[in-house]
Amino acid sequence: MPRRAPHRSPSPRLVGVAPLALALACAAGPQGTTEGASEASGASSTGPAGEPAELVIADAWEQVDGASDPLADHRPDPVECGLAGIFVESGELEIDTNFCNYAMVVQPGLVPVPAGSTLTIKLRHYDLTAAAPASAHVALLIGGEIVWEKMIVIPGPAEVISVDVPAPTAQPAGVPVHFHLHNHGQNNWILTGVTVTP
Protein backbone atom coordinates (compact mmCIF):
# COMPACT_ATOMS: atom_id res chain seq x y z
CA MET A 1 0.00 0.00 0.00
CA PRO A 2 1.61 3.27 -1.07
CA ARG A 3 2.24 5.89 1.54
CA ARG A 4 0.87 9.37 1.15
CA ALA A 5 1.38 12.63 2.94
CA PRO A 6 -1.64 12.99 5.26
CA HIS A 7 -3.68 16.17 5.05
CA ARG A 8 -3.65 17.84 8.47
CA SER A 9 -7.27 18.99 8.78
CA PRO A 10 -8.54 17.80 12.16
CA SER A 11 -12.23 17.54 12.87
CA PRO A 12 -13.53 20.41 15.05
CA ARG A 13 -14.45 17.84 17.73
CA LEU A 14 -10.82 16.77 17.93
CA VAL A 15 -9.51 20.30 18.36
CA GLY A 16 -8.57 21.42 21.86
CA VAL A 17 -9.78 18.24 23.56
CA ALA A 18 -7.84 16.44 26.29
CA PRO A 19 -5.05 14.05 25.15
CA LEU A 20 -6.53 10.89 23.75
CA ALA A 21 -6.12 7.18 24.28
CA LEU A 22 -7.42 4.70 21.65
CA ALA A 23 -8.18 1.04 22.03
CA LEU A 24 -7.25 -1.10 19.05
CA ALA A 25 -4.94 -3.92 18.24
CA CYS A 26 -4.47 -4.65 14.55
CA ALA A 27 -3.51 -7.39 12.18
CA ALA A 28 -4.39 -8.61 8.70
CA GLY A 29 -2.75 -9.49 5.42
CA PRO A 30 -1.62 -6.87 2.91
CA GLN A 31 -4.54 -7.86 0.67
CA GLY A 32 -6.99 -7.68 3.58
CA THR A 33 -8.37 -10.35 5.87
CA THR A 34 -11.55 -11.14 7.74
CA GLU A 35 -11.50 -12.56 11.25
CA GLY A 36 -13.98 -13.82 13.83
CA ALA A 37 -17.15 -14.00 11.72
CA SER A 38 -20.37 -14.83 13.58
CA GLU A 39 -24.11 -15.15 13.02
CA ALA A 40 -26.55 -12.77 14.69
CA SER A 41 -29.28 -14.52 16.67
CA GLY A 42 -32.45 -13.00 18.03
CA ALA A 43 -31.17 -9.47 17.39
CA SER A 44 -33.57 -6.54 17.28
CA SER A 45 -33.49 -4.21 14.30
CA THR A 46 -30.88 -1.46 14.06
CA GLY A 47 -32.17 -0.27 10.70
CA PRO A 48 -33.71 -1.88 7.60
CA ALA A 49 -34.01 -5.63 8.23
CA GLY A 50 -30.63 -7.32 7.85
CA GLU A 51 -28.90 -4.13 6.71
CA PRO A 52 -25.77 -2.80 8.47
CA ALA A 53 -26.12 0.50 10.32
CA GLU A 54 -23.27 2.90 11.13
CA LEU A 55 -22.43 2.77 14.82
CA VAL A 56 -20.01 5.73 14.68
CA ILE A 57 -19.04 8.62 12.42
CA ALA A 58 -15.55 10.06 12.01
CA ASP A 59 -16.45 13.66 12.91
CA ALA A 60 -17.94 12.73 16.30
CA TRP A 61 -14.83 11.27 17.99
CA GLU A 62 -13.53 13.13 21.04
CA GLN A 63 -10.25 12.54 22.84
CA VAL A 64 -10.36 11.01 26.32
CA ASP A 65 -8.30 12.18 29.28
CA GLY A 66 -6.65 9.86 31.80
CA ALA A 67 -9.46 10.04 34.35
CA SER A 68 -12.01 8.85 31.77
CA ASP A 69 -9.83 6.29 29.97
CA PRO A 70 -11.20 2.73 30.30
CA LEU A 71 -7.68 1.45 29.51
CA ALA A 72 -5.83 3.90 31.74
CA ASP A 73 -3.23 1.28 32.69
CA HIS A 74 -2.10 1.28 29.04
CA ARG A 75 -1.37 5.01 28.99
CA PRO A 76 2.27 6.13 28.69
CA ASP A 77 3.56 9.09 30.70
CA PRO A 78 3.33 11.55 29.15
CA VAL A 79 0.68 11.11 26.45
CA GLU A 80 1.69 13.24 23.46
CA CYS A 81 -1.01 13.44 20.82
CA GLY A 82 -1.50 16.79 19.13
CA LEU A 83 -3.56 17.91 16.14
CA ALA A 84 -0.99 16.49 13.71
CA GLY A 85 -1.37 13.09 15.36
CA ILE A 86 -5.13 12.53 15.12
CA PHE A 87 -7.51 14.05 12.59
CA VAL A 88 -10.36 13.34 10.18
CA GLU A 89 -9.65 13.04 6.47
CA SER A 90 -12.07 11.98 3.73
CA GLY A 91 -14.61 10.88 6.32
CA GLU A 92 -12.18 8.59 8.17
CA LEU A 93 -10.34 8.85 11.48
CA GLU A 94 -6.57 8.87 10.89
CA ILE A 95 -3.84 8.53 13.51
CA ASP A 96 -0.20 9.31 12.77
CA THR A 97 1.82 7.71 15.55
CA ASN A 98 4.83 9.87 14.76
CA PHE A 99 2.82 12.64 16.47
CA CYS A 100 0.57 10.57 18.72
CA ASN A 101 2.11 8.05 21.10
CA TYR A 102 -1.27 6.92 22.48
CA ALA A 103 -4.85 7.45 21.37
CA MET A 104 -8.24 6.85 23.02
CA VAL A 105 -11.33 8.44 21.54
CA VAL A 106 -15.02 8.14 22.35
CA GLN A 107 -18.44 8.99 20.97
CA PRO A 108 -22.03 7.90 21.73
CA GLY A 109 -23.22 4.98 19.59
CA LEU A 110 -25.63 6.08 16.88
CA VAL A 111 -27.82 2.96 17.01
CA PRO A 112 -28.68 0.19 19.50
CA VAL A 113 -26.43 -2.88 19.53
CA PRO A 114 -28.54 -6.03 19.98
CA ALA A 115 -26.91 -8.97 21.74
CA GLY A 116 -25.51 -11.36 19.12
CA SER A 117 -25.64 -8.79 16.33
CA THR A 118 -22.59 -8.55 14.08
CA LEU A 119 -20.12 -5.73 14.62
CA THR A 120 -18.00 -5.08 11.53
CA ILE A 121 -14.79 -3.16 12.21
CA LYS A 122 -12.84 -1.86 9.23
CA LEU A 123 -9.40 -0.24 9.42
CA ARG A 124 -6.06 -0.23 7.68
CA HIS A 125 -2.48 0.82 8.27
CA TYR A 126 0.63 1.56 6.25
CA ASP A 127 3.93 -0.29 6.70
CA LEU A 128 4.71 -0.57 10.42
CA THR A 129 8.21 0.55 11.33
CA ALA A 130 10.13 1.12 14.55
CA ALA A 131 13.75 1.59 15.62
CA ALA A 132 13.53 -1.71 17.52
CA PRO A 133 11.06 -4.63 17.46
CA ALA A 134 7.80 -3.57 19.10
CA SER A 135 4.05 -4.12 18.96
CA ALA A 136 0.81 -2.25 18.36
CA HIS A 137 -2.43 -2.65 20.30
CA VAL A 138 -5.73 -1.76 18.69
CA ALA A 139 -9.18 -2.22 20.24
CA LEU A 140 -12.85 -1.32 20.14
CA LEU A 141 -14.83 -0.93 23.36
CA ILE A 142 -18.59 -0.60 23.77
CA GLY A 143 -20.05 0.34 27.13
CA GLY A 144 -16.55 0.21 28.61
CA GLU A 145 -16.01 -3.43 27.59
CA ILE A 146 -13.54 -4.61 24.95
CA VAL A 147 -15.47 -6.26 22.12
CA TRP A 148 -12.43 -6.66 19.86
CA GLU A 149 -8.69 -6.18 20.23
CA LYS A 150 -5.48 -7.31 18.59
CA MET A 151 -1.74 -7.11 19.08
CA ILE A 152 0.39 -6.63 15.96
CA VAL A 153 4.10 -7.22 15.68
CA ILE A 154 6.26 -4.33 14.41
CA PRO A 155 7.92 -4.12 11.94
CA GLY A 156 5.30 -5.45 9.54
CA PRO A 157 3.70 -4.84 6.13
CA ALA A 158 0.75 -2.61 5.32
CA GLU A 159 -2.59 -4.28 5.97
CA VAL A 160 -6.32 -3.87 5.40
CA ILE A 161 -8.49 -5.31 8.16
CA SER A 162 -12.18 -6.20 8.10
CA VAL A 163 -13.32 -8.08 11.20
CA ASP A 164 -16.78 -9.42 12.09
CA VAL A 165 -17.39 -10.08 15.79
CA PRO A 166 -20.57 -10.85 17.75
CA ALA A 167 -21.86 -8.22 20.16
CA PRO A 168 -21.56 -9.90 23.59
CA THR A 169 -24.35 -7.89 25.25
CA ALA A 170 -27.22 -5.65 24.21
CA GLN A 171 -26.42 -1.94 24.36
CA PRO A 172 -28.74 1.05 23.81
CA ALA A 173 -28.16 3.85 21.36
CA GLY A 174 -25.97 6.48 22.99
CA VAL A 175 -23.73 3.99 24.81
CA PRO A 176 -20.06 5.11 24.85
CA VAL A 177 -18.03 3.61 22.00
CA HIS A 178 -14.24 3.84 22.44
CA PHE A 179 -11.50 3.27 19.89
CA HIS A 180 -7.95 2.71 21.13
CA LEU A 181 -4.53 2.62 19.49
CA HIS A 182 -1.15 2.25 21.15
CA ASN A 183 1.71 1.91 18.72
CA HIS A 184 5.50 2.29 18.86
CA GLY A 185 7.21 3.88 15.87
CA GLN A 186 6.17 6.07 12.95
CA ASN A 187 3.01 4.63 11.41
CA ASN A 188 -0.33 5.72 9.97
CA TRP A 189 -3.60 4.04 10.96
CA ILE A 190 -7.05 4.72 9.47
CA LEU A 191 -10.36 3.65 11.01
CA THR A 192 -12.78 3.33 8.11
CA GLY A 193 -15.88 2.56 10.17
CA VAL A 194 -17.85 0.35 12.55
CA THR A 195 -21.26 -1.05 11.62
CA VAL A 196 -23.94 -3.15 13.35
CA THR A 197 -25.92 -5.82 11.48
CA PRO A 198 -28.84 -7.51 13.29
C-alpha atoms as a PDB file:
ATOM      1  CA  MET A   1       0.000   0.000   0.000  1.00  0.00           C
ATOM      2  CA  PRO A   2       1.605   3.266  -1.067  1.00  0.00           C
ATOM      3  CA  ARG A   3       2.237   5.887   1.545  1.00  0.00           C
ATOM      4  CA  ARG A   4       0.874   9.372   1.152  1.00  0.00           C
ATOM      5  CA  ALA A   5       1.383  12.635   2.939  1.00  0.00           C
ATOM      6  CA  PRO A   6      -1.643  12.988   5.259  1.00  0.00           C
ATOM      7  CA  HIS A   7      -3.680  16.173   5.051  1.00  0.00           C
ATOM      8  CA  ARG A   8      -3.649  17.844   8.473  1.00  0.00           C
ATOM      9  CA  SER A   9      -7.275  18.990   8.777  1.00  0.00           C
ATOM     10  CA  PRO A  10      -8.541  17.800  12.157  1.00  0.00           C
ATOM     11  CA  SER A  11     -12.233  17.544  12.872  1.00  0.00           C
ATOM     12  CA  PRO A  12     -13.525  20.411  15.050  1.00  0.00           C
ATOM     13  CA  ARG A  13     -14.450  17.836  17.730  1.00  0.00           C
ATOM     14  CA  LEU A  14     -10.822  16.769  17.925  1.00  0.00           C
ATOM     15  CA  VAL A  15      -9.509  20.300  18.358  1.00  0.00           C
ATOM     16  CA  GLY A  16      -8.571  21.423  21.857  1.00  0.00           C
ATOM     17  CA  VAL A  17      -9.777  18.244  23.564  1.00  0.00           C
ATOM     18  CA  ALA A  18      -7.837  16.436  26.294  1.00  0.00           C
ATOM     19  CA  PRO A  19      -5.045  14.046  25.155  1.00  0.00           C
ATOM     20  CA  LEU A  20      -6.528  10.885  23.752  1.00  0.00           C
ATOM     21  CA  ALA A  21      -6.115   7.184  24.277  1.00  0.00           C
ATOM     22  CA  LEU A  22      -7.415   4.703  21.654  1.00  0.00           C
ATOM     23  CA  ALA A  23      -8.182   1.039  22.027  1.00  0.00           C
ATOM     24  CA  LEU A  24      -7.247  -1.103  19.047  1.00  0.00           C
ATOM     25  CA  ALA A  25      -4.940  -3.924  18.245  1.00  0.00           C
ATOM     26  CA  CYS A  26      -4.473  -4.653  14.555  1.00  0.00           C
ATOM     27  CA  ALA A  27      -3.511  -7.392  12.176  1.00  0.00           C
ATOM     28  CA  ALA A  28      -4.387  -8.610   8.704  1.00  0.00           C
ATOM     29  CA  GLY A  29      -2.746  -9.492   5.418  1.00  0.00           C
ATOM     30  CA  PRO A  30      -1.624  -6.870   2.909  1.00  0.00           C
ATOM     31  CA  GLN A  31      -4.544  -7.860   0.670  1.00  0.00           C
ATOM     32  CA  GLY A  32      -6.990  -7.683   3.584  1.00  0.00           C
ATOM     33  CA  THR A  33      -8.372 -10.354   5.867  1.00  0.00           C
ATOM     34  CA  THR A  34     -11.545 -11.137   7.739  1.00  0.00           C
ATOM     35  CA  GLU A  35     -11.503 -12.560  11.254  1.00  0.00           C
ATOM     36  CA  GLY A  36     -13.982 -13.823  13.828  1.00  0.00           C
ATOM     37  CA  ALA A  37     -17.149 -13.997  11.718  1.00  0.00           C
ATOM     38  CA  SER A  38     -20.370 -14.831  13.576  1.00  0.00           C
ATOM     39  CA  GLU A  39     -24.113 -15.147  13.017  1.00  0.00           C
ATOM     40  CA  ALA A  40     -26.547 -12.775  14.692  1.00  0.00           C
ATOM     41  CA  SER A  41     -29.280 -14.521  16.674  1.00  0.00           C
ATOM     42  CA  GLY A  42     -32.450 -12.996  18.027  1.00  0.00           C
ATOM     43  CA  ALA A  43     -31.171  -9.467  17.391  1.00  0.00           C
ATOM     44  CA  SER A  44     -33.571  -6.543  17.276  1.00  0.00           C
ATOM     45  CA  SER A  45     -33.490  -4.213  14.299  1.00  0.00           C
ATOM     46  CA  THR A  46     -30.879  -1.465  14.060  1.00  0.00           C
ATOM     47  CA  GLY A  47     -32.165  -0.265  10.701  1.00  0.00           C
ATOM     48  CA  PRO A  48     -33.710  -1.881   7.601  1.00  0.00           C
ATOM     49  CA  ALA A  49     -34.005  -5.628   8.234  1.00  0.00           C
ATOM     50  CA  GLY A  50     -30.633  -7.316   7.854  1.00  0.00           C
ATOM     51  CA  GLU A  51     -28.900  -4.126   6.715  1.00  0.00           C
ATOM     52  CA  PRO A  52     -25.768  -2.804   8.470  1.00  0.00           C
ATOM     53  CA  ALA A  53     -26.118   0.498  10.320  1.00  0.00           C
ATOM     54  CA  GLU A  54     -23.273   2.896  11.126  1.00  0.00           C
ATOM     55  CA  LEU A  55     -22.431   2.773  14.825  1.00  0.00           C
ATOM     56  CA  VAL A  56     -20.011   5.728  14.679  1.00  0.00           C
ATOM     57  CA  ILE A  57     -19.036   8.620  12.417  1.00  0.00           C
ATOM     58  CA  ALA A  58     -15.553  10.056  12.007  1.00  0.00           C
ATOM     59  CA  ASP A  59     -16.450  13.657  12.909  1.00  0.00           C
ATOM     60  CA  ALA A  60     -17.943  12.731  16.298  1.00  0.00           C
ATOM     61  CA  TRP A  61     -14.832  11.272  17.987  1.00  0.00           C
ATOM     62  CA  GLU A  62     -13.525  13.129  21.036  1.00  0.00           C
ATOM     63  CA  GLN A  63     -10.247  12.543  22.837  1.00  0.00           C
ATOM     64  CA  VAL A  64     -10.358  11.008  26.315  1.00  0.00           C
ATOM     65  CA  ASP A  65      -8.303  12.181  29.283  1.00  0.00           C
ATOM     66  CA  GLY A  66      -6.649   9.861  31.796  1.00  0.00           C
ATOM     67  CA  ALA A  67      -9.456  10.037  34.345  1.00  0.00           C
ATOM     68  CA  SER A  68     -12.012   8.852  31.771  1.00  0.00           C
ATOM     69  CA  ASP A  69      -9.835   6.294  29.971  1.00  0.00           C
ATOM     70  CA  PRO A  70     -11.198   2.730  30.300  1.00  0.00           C
ATOM     71  CA  LEU A  71      -7.677   1.451  29.505  1.00  0.00           C
ATOM     72  CA  ALA A  72      -5.826   3.901  31.742  1.00  0.00           C
ATOM     73  CA  ASP A  73      -3.234   1.277  32.686  1.00  0.00           C
ATOM     74  CA  HIS A  74      -2.096   1.280  29.036  1.00  0.00           C
ATOM     75  CA  ARG A  75      -1.366   5.011  28.990  1.00  0.00           C
ATOM     76  CA  PRO A  76       2.271   6.128  28.691  1.00  0.00           C
ATOM     77  CA  ASP A  77       3.555   9.085  30.701  1.00  0.00           C
ATOM     78  CA  PRO A  78       3.330  11.553  29.147  1.00  0.00           C
ATOM     79  CA  VAL A  79       0.681  11.113  26.452  1.00  0.00           C
ATOM     80  CA  GLU A  80       1.687  13.242  23.463  1.00  0.00           C
ATOM     81  CA  CYS A  81      -1.009  13.443  20.819  1.00  0.00           C
ATOM     82  CA  GLY A  82      -1.504  16.793  19.126  1.00  0.00           C
ATOM     83  CA  LEU A  83      -3.557  17.907  16.136  1.00  0.00           C
ATOM     84  CA  ALA A  84      -0.988  16.492  13.714  1.00  0.00           C
ATOM     85  CA  GLY A  85      -1.375  13.094  15.356  1.00  0.00           C
ATOM     86  CA  ILE A  86      -5.129  12.533  15.118  1.00  0.00           C
ATOM     87  CA  PHE A  87      -7.515  14.050  12.594  1.00  0.00           C
ATOM     88  CA  VAL A  88     -10.359  13.340  10.184  1.00  0.00           C
ATOM     89  CA  GLU A  89      -9.651  13.040   6.473  1.00  0.00           C
ATOM     90  CA  SER A  90     -12.073  11.981   3.734  1.00  0.00           C
ATOM     91  CA  GLY A  91     -14.614  10.878   6.323  1.00  0.00           C
ATOM     92  CA  GLU A  92     -12.183   8.589   8.171  1.00  0.00           C
ATOM     93  CA  LEU A  93     -10.338   8.853  11.479  1.00  0.00           C
ATOM     94  CA  GLU A  94      -6.574   8.874  10.893  1.00  0.00           C
ATOM     95  CA  ILE A  95      -3.840   8.527  13.511  1.00  0.00           C
ATOM     96  CA  ASP A  96      -0.198   9.315  12.773  1.00  0.00           C
ATOM     97  CA  THR A  97       1.821   7.712  15.553  1.00  0.00           C
ATOM     98  CA  ASN A  98       4.828   9.866  14.760  1.00  0.00           C
ATOM     99  CA  PHE A  99       2.823  12.642  16.466  1.00  0.00           C
ATOM    100  CA  CYS A 100       0.565  10.567  18.718  1.00  0.00           C
ATOM    101  CA  ASN A 101       2.110   8.051  21.098  1.00  0.00           C
ATOM    102  CA  TYR A 102      -1.274   6.922  22.478  1.00  0.00           C
ATOM    103  CA  ALA A 103      -4.850   7.448  21.371  1.00  0.00           C
ATOM    104  CA  MET A 104      -8.236   6.847  23.023  1.00  0.00           C
ATOM    105  CA  VAL A 105     -11.334   8.437  21.539  1.00  0.00           C
ATOM    106  CA  VAL A 106     -15.018   8.143  22.351  1.00  0.00           C
ATOM    107  CA  GLN A 107     -18.439   8.985  20.966  1.00  0.00           C
ATOM    108  CA  PRO A 108     -22.025   7.902  21.732  1.00  0.00           C
ATOM    109  CA  GLY A 109     -23.218   4.981  19.593  1.00  0.00           C
ATOM    110  CA  LEU A 110     -25.633   6.079  16.879  1.00  0.00           C
ATOM    111  CA  VAL A 111     -27.817   2.961  17.013  1.00  0.00           C
ATOM    112  CA  PRO A 112     -28.677   0.192  19.498  1.00  0.00           C
ATOM    113  CA  VAL A 113     -26.426  -2.877  19.535  1.00  0.00           C
ATOM    114  CA  PRO A 114     -28.544  -6.034  19.979  1.00  0.00           C
ATOM    115  CA  ALA A 115     -26.906  -8.972  21.744  1.00  0.00           C
ATOM    116  CA  GLY A 116     -25.514 -11.356  19.122  1.00  0.00           C
ATOM    117  CA  SER A 117     -25.635  -8.787  16.333  1.00  0.00           C
ATOM    118  CA  THR A 118     -22.585  -8.553  14.083  1.00  0.00           C
ATOM    119  CA  LEU A 119     -20.119  -5.732  14.615  1.00  0.00           C
ATOM    120  CA  THR A 120     -18.001  -5.078  11.534  1.00  0.00           C
ATOM    121  CA  ILE A 121     -14.790  -3.156  12.211  1.00  0.00           C
ATOM    122  CA  LYS A 122     -12.837  -1.857   9.234  1.00  0.00           C
ATOM    123  CA  LEU A 123      -9.403  -0.241   9.418  1.00  0.00           C
ATOM    124  CA  ARG A 124      -6.060  -0.232   7.682  1.00  0.00           C
ATOM    125  CA  HIS A 125      -2.475   0.823   8.270  1.00  0.00           C
ATOM    126  CA  TYR A 126       0.635   1.565   6.248  1.00  0.00           C
ATOM    127  CA  ASP A 127       3.929  -0.295   6.701  1.00  0.00           C
ATOM    128  CA  LEU A 128       4.713  -0.567  10.421  1.00  0.00           C
ATOM    129  CA  THR A 129       8.211   0.554  11.332  1.00  0.00           C
ATOM    130  CA  ALA A 130      10.132   1.123  14.550  1.00  0.00           C
ATOM    131  CA  ALA A 131      13.751   1.595  15.618  1.00  0.00           C
ATOM    132  CA  ALA A 132      13.535  -1.712  17.522  1.00  0.00           C
ATOM    133  CA  PRO A 133      11.057  -4.628  17.455  1.00  0.00           C
ATOM    134  CA  ALA A 134       7.805  -3.571  19.102  1.00  0.00           C
ATOM    135  CA  SER A 135       4.054  -4.122  18.958  1.00  0.00           C
ATOM    136  CA  ALA A 136       0.812  -2.253  18.359  1.00  0.00           C
ATOM    137  CA  HIS A 137      -2.428  -2.652  20.297  1.00  0.00           C
ATOM    138  CA  VAL A 138      -5.732  -1.757  18.693  1.00  0.00           C
ATOM    139  CA  ALA A 139      -9.184  -2.222  20.244  1.00  0.00           C
ATOM    140  CA  LEU A 140     -12.849  -1.316  20.140  1.00  0.00           C
ATOM    141  CA  LEU A 141     -14.834  -0.930  23.357  1.00  0.00           C
ATOM    142  CA  ILE A 142     -18.595  -0.603  23.773  1.00  0.00           C
ATOM    143  CA  GLY A 143     -20.051   0.337  27.127  1.00  0.00           C
ATOM    144  CA  GLY A 144     -16.545   0.208  28.607  1.00  0.00           C
ATOM    145  CA  GLU A 145     -16.011  -3.431  27.591  1.00  0.00           C
ATOM    146  CA  ILE A 146     -13.542  -4.607  24.952  1.00  0.00           C
ATOM    147  CA  VAL A 147     -15.469  -6.262  22.119  1.00  0.00           C
ATOM    148  CA  TRP A 148     -12.432  -6.662  19.860  1.00  0.00           C
ATOM    149  CA  GLU A 149      -8.691  -6.176  20.230  1.00  0.00           C
ATOM    150  CA  LYS A 150      -5.476  -7.306  18.593  1.00  0.00           C
ATOM    151  CA  MET A 151      -1.745  -7.110  19.081  1.00  0.00           C
ATOM    152  CA  ILE A 152       0.388  -6.634  15.961  1.00  0.00           C
ATOM    153  CA  VAL A 153       4.103  -7.222  15.679  1.00  0.00           C
ATOM    154  CA  ILE A 154       6.263  -4.331  14.412  1.00  0.00           C
ATOM    155  CA  PRO A 155       7.915  -4.116  11.936  1.00  0.00           C
ATOM    156  CA  GLY A 156       5.301  -5.453   9.540  1.00  0.00           C
ATOM    157  CA  PRO A 157       3.699  -4.842   6.133  1.00  0.00           C
ATOM    158  CA  ALA A 158       0.750  -2.614   5.320  1.00  0.00           C
ATOM    159  CA  GLU A 159      -2.592  -4.280   5.973  1.00  0.00           C
ATOM    160  CA  VAL A 160      -6.322  -3.871   5.397  1.00  0.00           C
ATOM    161  CA  ILE A 161      -8.485  -5.311   8.159  1.00  0.00           C
ATOM    162  CA  SER A 162     -12.177  -6.204   8.105  1.00  0.00           C
ATOM    163  CA  VAL A 163     -13.320  -8.079  11.200  1.00  0.00           C
ATOM    164  CA  ASP A 164     -16.780  -9.420  12.089  1.00  0.00           C
ATOM    165  CA  VAL A 165     -17.390 -10.077  15.787  1.00  0.00           C
ATOM    166  CA  PRO A 166     -20.573 -10.851  17.751  1.00  0.00           C
ATOM    167  CA  ALA A 167     -21.865  -8.225  20.160  1.00  0.00           C
ATOM    168  CA  PRO A 168     -21.557  -9.899  23.594  1.00  0.00           C
ATOM    169  CA  THR A 169     -24.348  -7.892  25.250  1.00  0.00           C
ATOM    170  CA  ALA A 170     -27.218  -5.645  24.208  1.00  0.00           C
ATOM    171  CA  GLN A 171     -26.421  -1.938  24.358  1.00  0.00           C
ATOM    172  CA  PRO A 172     -28.738   1.047  23.809  1.00  0.00           C
ATOM    173  CA  ALA A 173     -28.165   3.855  21.360  1.00  0.00           C
ATOM    174  CA  GLY A 174     -25.965   6.479  22.988  1.00  0.00           C
ATOM    175  CA  VAL A 175     -23.730   3.992  24.814  1.00  0.00           C
ATOM    176  CA  PRO A 176     -20.060   5.110  24.852  1.00  0.00           C
ATOM    177  CA  VAL A 177     -18.026   3.612  21.999  1.00  0.00           C
ATOM    178  CA  HIS A 178     -14.236   3.845  22.440  1.00  0.00           C
ATOM    179  CA  PHE A 179     -11.501   3.274  19.892  1.00  0.00           C
ATOM    180  CA  HIS A 180      -7.950   2.708  21.129  1.00  0.00           C
ATOM    181  CA  LEU A 181      -4.534   2.616  19.486  1.00  0.00           C
ATOM    182  CA  HIS A 182      -1.150   2.251  21.147  1.00  0.00           C
ATOM    183  CA  ASN A 183       1.713   1.909  18.716  1.00  0.00           C
ATOM    184  CA  HIS A 184       5.503   2.286  18.857  1.00  0.00           C
ATOM    185  CA  GLY A 185       7.205   3.880  15.870  1.00  0.00           C
ATOM    186  CA  GLN A 186       6.169   6.074  12.954  1.00  0.00           C
ATOM    187  CA  ASN A 187       3.008   4.627  11.413  1.00  0.00           C
ATOM    188  CA  ASN A 188      -0.330   5.718   9.973  1.00  0.00           C
ATOM    189  CA  TRP A 189      -3.598   4.041  10.957  1.00  0.00           C
ATOM    190  CA  ILE A 190      -7.050   4.716   9.469  1.00  0.00           C
ATOM    191  CA  LEU A 191     -10.363   3.653  11.015  1.00  0.00           C
ATOM    192  CA  THR A 192     -12.780   3.326   8.107  1.00  0.00           C
ATOM    193  CA  GLY A 193     -15.880   2.559  10.174  1.00  0.00           C
ATOM    194  CA  VAL A 194     -17.849   0.352  12.549  1.00  0.00           C
ATOM    195  CA  THR A 195     -21.259  -1.047  11.621  1.00  0.00           C
ATOM    196  CA  VAL A 196     -23.943  -3.146  13.350  1.00  0.00           C
ATOM    197  CA  THR A 197     -25.915  -5.820  11.478  1.00  0.00           C
ATOM    198  CA  PRO A 198     -28.842  -7.512  13.285  1.00  0.00           C
END
